[in-house]
Amino acid sequence: MKEKIDWKLELLSSGLFNKKEEKLLKEGAKSHMQGMWLHSLYVRWQKIKGYYSPPVKAEQSSFKEWNRRVK
């Protein structure tokens, strides 16, 4: 079983945040925007730890481009 990591405590102990972010980490999100901000802090923690890999951009082409390649 995987060990549960408390990322909020780890980020708080690192000191890589400001006062508003400290309050957000301790008290949690109370609005949608704060939730988005909290997620950005989570991604920051993932990058520090080396867990984050950016999402792969989907290759998308139009039907005209596909049709040209097929001919």
N, C-alpha and C. Protein backbone atom coordinates (compact mmCIF):
# COMPACT_ATOMS: atom_id res chain seq x y z
N MET A 1 0.84 -1.19 0.00
CA MET A 1 0.00 0.00 0.00
C MET A 1 0.88 1.24 0.00
N LYS A 2 0.47 2.23 -0.76
CA LYS A 2 1.25 3.46 -0.85
C LYS A 2 1.14 4.29 0.43
N GLU A 3 2.24 4.93 0.76
CA GLU A 3 2.25 5.80 1.94
C GLU A 3 1.56 7.11 1.58
N LYS A 4 0.68 7.58 2.44
CA LYS A 4 -0.02 8.84 2.19
C LYS A 4 0.88 10.01 2.61
N ILE A 5 1.09 10.92 1.68
CA ILE A 5 1.96 12.07 1.92
C ILE A 5 1.08 13.31 2.11
N ASP A 6 1.33 14.05 3.18
CA ASP A 6 0.60 15.29 3.41
C ASP A 6 1.37 16.43 2.75
N TRP A 7 1.01 16.72 1.51
CA TRP A 7 1.75 17.70 0.72
C TRP A 7 1.62 19.10 1.29
N LYS A 8 0.50 19.39 1.95
CA LYS A 8 0.32 20.73 2.52
C LYS A 8 1.34 20.99 3.63
N LEU A 9 1.54 20.00 4.49
CA LEU A 9 2.52 20.16 5.57
C LEU A 9 3.94 20.28 5.02
N GLU A 10 4.24 19.49 3.99
CA GLU A 10 5.57 19.57 3.38
C GLU A 10 5.81 20.95 2.77
N LEU A 11 4.80 21.49 2.09
CA LEU A 11 4.94 22.81 1.47
C LEU A 11 5.04 23.89 2.55
N LEU A 12 4.27 23.75 3.63
CA LEU A 12 4.36 24.71 4.73
C LEU A 12 5.75 24.71 5.36
N SER A 13 6.34 23.54 5.51
CA SER A 13 7.66 23.46 6.13
C SER A 13 8.76 23.98 5.21
N SER A 14 8.49 24.02 3.89
CA SER A 14 9.52 24.50 2.95
C SER A 14 9.66 26.02 2.97
N GLY A 15 8.60 26.73 3.32
CA GLY A 15 8.65 28.19 3.35
C GLY A 15 8.57 28.84 1.99
N LEU A 16 8.11 28.13 0.96
CA LEU A 16 8.02 28.66 -0.40
C LEU A 16 6.62 29.19 -0.70
N PHE A 17 6.15 30.13 0.09
CA PHE A 17 4.82 30.68 -0.07
C PHE A 17 4.73 32.01 0.65
N ASN A 18 3.64 32.75 0.43
CA ASN A 18 3.43 34.01 1.15
C ASN A 18 2.36 33.82 2.23
N LYS A 19 2.00 34.90 2.91
CA LYS A 19 1.05 34.81 4.04
C LYS A 19 -0.33 34.32 3.60
N LYS A 20 -0.80 34.80 2.44
CA LYS A 20 -2.12 34.38 1.96
C LYS A 20 -2.11 32.89 1.63
N GLU A 21 -1.02 32.43 1.02
CA GLU A 21 -0.92 31.02 0.68
C GLU A 21 -0.81 30.16 1.94
N GLU A 22 -0.14 30.68 2.96
CA GLU A 22 -0.04 29.96 4.24
C GLU A 22 -1.43 29.77 4.84
N LYS A 23 -2.23 30.82 4.83
CA LYS A 23 -3.59 30.73 5.35
C LYS A 23 -4.42 29.74 4.54
N LEU A 24 -4.26 29.76 3.22
CA LEU A 24 -4.98 28.85 2.35
C LEU A 24 -4.59 27.40 2.62
N LEU A 25 -3.31 27.15 2.81
CA LEU A 25 -2.84 25.80 3.09
C LEU A 25 -3.34 25.30 4.45
N LYS A 26 -3.42 26.18 5.42
CA LYS A 26 -3.85 25.77 6.76
C LYS A 26 -5.36 25.61 6.87
N GLU A 27 -6.11 26.54 6.27
CA GLU A 27 -7.57 26.56 6.44
C GLU A 27 -8.33 25.90 5.30
N GLY A 28 -7.72 25.76 4.14
CA GLY A 28 -8.40 25.15 2.99
C GLY A 28 -9.14 26.20 2.17
N ALA A 29 -9.64 25.76 1.03
CA ALA A 29 -10.33 26.65 0.09
C ALA A 29 -11.78 26.85 0.50
N LYS A 30 -12.23 28.09 0.36
CA LYS A 30 -13.62 28.40 0.70
C LYS A 30 -14.39 28.91 -0.51
N SER A 31 -13.73 29.01 -1.65
CA SER A 31 -14.40 29.43 -2.88
C SER A 31 -13.75 28.71 -4.06
N HIS A 32 -14.36 28.86 -5.20
CA HIS A 32 -13.85 28.21 -6.41
C HIS A 32 -12.46 28.74 -6.76
N MET A 33 -12.28 30.04 -6.68
CA MET A 33 -10.99 30.64 -7.01
C MET A 33 -9.89 30.19 -6.05
N GLN A 34 -10.21 30.09 -4.78
CA GLN A 34 -9.24 29.60 -3.81
C GLN A 34 -8.89 28.14 -4.09
N GLY A 35 -9.86 27.37 -4.56
CA GLY A 35 -9.60 25.99 -4.95
C GLY A 35 -8.62 25.90 -6.10
N MET A 36 -8.78 26.81 -7.06
CA MET A 36 -7.85 26.85 -8.19
C MET A 36 -6.45 27.24 -7.70
N TRP A 37 -6.39 28.18 -6.80
CA TRP A 37 -5.11 28.63 -6.23
C TRP A 37 -4.44 27.50 -5.45
N LEU A 38 -5.26 26.76 -4.70
CA LEU A 38 -4.75 25.63 -3.93
C LEU A 38 -4.19 24.55 -4.88
N HIS A 39 -4.87 24.35 -6.00
CA HIS A 39 -4.38 23.39 -6.98
C HIS A 39 -3.03 23.84 -7.57
N SER A 40 -2.88 25.14 -7.80
CA SER A 40 -1.60 25.64 -8.31
C SER A 40 -0.48 25.42 -7.28
N LEU A 41 -0.82 25.52 -5.99
CA LEU A 41 0.17 25.22 -4.96
C LEU A 41 0.53 23.72 -4.97
N TYR A 42 -0.47 22.89 -5.23
CA TYR A 42 -0.23 21.45 -5.31
C TYR A 42 0.70 21.12 -6.48
N VAL A 43 0.46 21.77 -7.62
CA VAL A 43 1.33 21.56 -8.78
C VAL A 43 2.74 22.06 -8.49
N ARG A 44 2.86 23.19 -7.77
CA ARG A 44 4.18 23.69 -7.38
C ARG A 44 4.90 22.66 -6.51
N TRP A 45 4.18 22.06 -5.55
CA TRP A 45 4.77 21.04 -4.69
C TRP A 45 5.21 19.83 -5.52
N GLN A 46 4.38 19.43 -6.49
CA GLN A 46 4.74 18.30 -7.35
C GLN A 46 6.02 18.59 -8.14
N LYS A 47 6.16 19.82 -8.64
CA LYS A 47 7.36 20.18 -9.40
C LYS A 47 8.60 20.16 -8.50
N ILE A 48 8.46 20.64 -7.27
CA ILE A 48 9.58 20.63 -6.33
C ILE A 48 10.02 19.20 -6.06
N LYS A 49 9.06 18.30 -5.87
CA LYS A 49 9.36 16.91 -5.56
C LYS A 49 9.75 16.09 -6.80
N GLY A 50 9.49 16.62 -7.98
CA GLY A 50 9.81 15.89 -9.21
C GLY A 50 8.73 14.92 -9.65
N TYR A 51 7.52 15.08 -9.13
CA TYR A 51 6.41 14.19 -9.49
C TYR A 51 5.64 14.68 -10.71
N TYR A 52 5.76 15.95 -11.04
CA TYR A 52 4.91 16.57 -12.06
C TYR A 52 5.45 16.29 -13.46
N SER A 53 4.59 15.84 -14.32
CA SER A 53 4.92 15.76 -15.73
C SER A 53 3.81 16.49 -16.48
N PRO A 54 4.16 17.49 -17.29
CA PRO A 54 3.13 18.28 -17.96
C PRO A 54 2.27 17.42 -18.87
N PRO A 55 1.01 17.78 -19.02
CA PRO A 55 0.12 17.00 -19.87
C PRO A 55 0.60 17.02 -21.33
N VAL A 56 0.42 15.91 -22.00
CA VAL A 56 0.85 15.78 -23.39
C VAL A 56 -0.16 16.50 -24.27
N LYS A 57 0.35 17.34 -25.14
CA LYS A 57 -0.53 18.08 -26.03
C LYS A 57 -1.02 17.15 -27.13
N ALA A 58 -2.32 17.10 -27.32
CA ALA A 58 -2.90 16.24 -28.33
C ALA A 58 -2.66 16.82 -29.71
N GLU A 59 -2.24 15.97 -30.60
CA GLU A 59 -2.06 16.40 -31.98
C GLU A 59 -3.43 16.42 -32.64
N GLN A 60 -3.74 17.55 -33.24
CA GLN A 60 -5.03 17.68 -33.87
C GLN A 60 -4.84 18.31 -35.24
N SER A 61 -5.51 17.76 -36.21
CA SER A 61 -5.44 18.33 -37.55
C SER A 61 -6.84 18.41 -38.12
N SER A 62 -6.98 19.20 -39.13
CA SER A 62 -8.28 19.34 -39.75
C SER A 62 -8.50 18.22 -40.77
N PHE A 63 -9.72 18.07 -41.21
CA PHE A 63 -10.03 17.05 -42.21
C PHE A 63 -9.31 17.35 -43.52
N LYS A 64 -9.18 18.62 -43.87
CA LYS A 64 -8.50 18.98 -45.11
C LYS A 64 -7.03 18.54 -45.07
N GLU A 65 -6.36 18.75 -43.93
CA GLU A 65 -4.96 18.32 -43.81
C GLU A 65 -4.86 16.81 -43.91
N TRP A 66 -5.76 16.10 -43.25
CA TRP A 66 -5.76 14.65 -43.31
C TRP A 66 -5.98 14.16 -44.73
N ASN A 67 -6.93 14.77 -45.41
CA ASN A 67 -7.27 14.39 -46.76
C ASN A 67 -6.07 14.60 -47.70
N ARG A 68 -5.32 15.69 -47.51
CA ARG A 68 -4.13 15.95 -48.33
C ARG A 68 -3.07 14.88 -48.10
N ARG A 69 -2.90 14.47 -46.86
CA ARG A 69 -1.88 13.47 -46.55
C ARG A 69 -2.24 12.11 -47.12
N VAL A 70 -3.53 11.79 -47.18
CA VAL A 70 -3.97 10.50 -47.67
C VAL A 70 -3.79 10.38 -49.18
N LYS A 71 -3.97 11.48 -49.90
CA LYS A 71 -3.87 11.44 -51.37
C LYS A 71 -2.50 11.23 -51.82
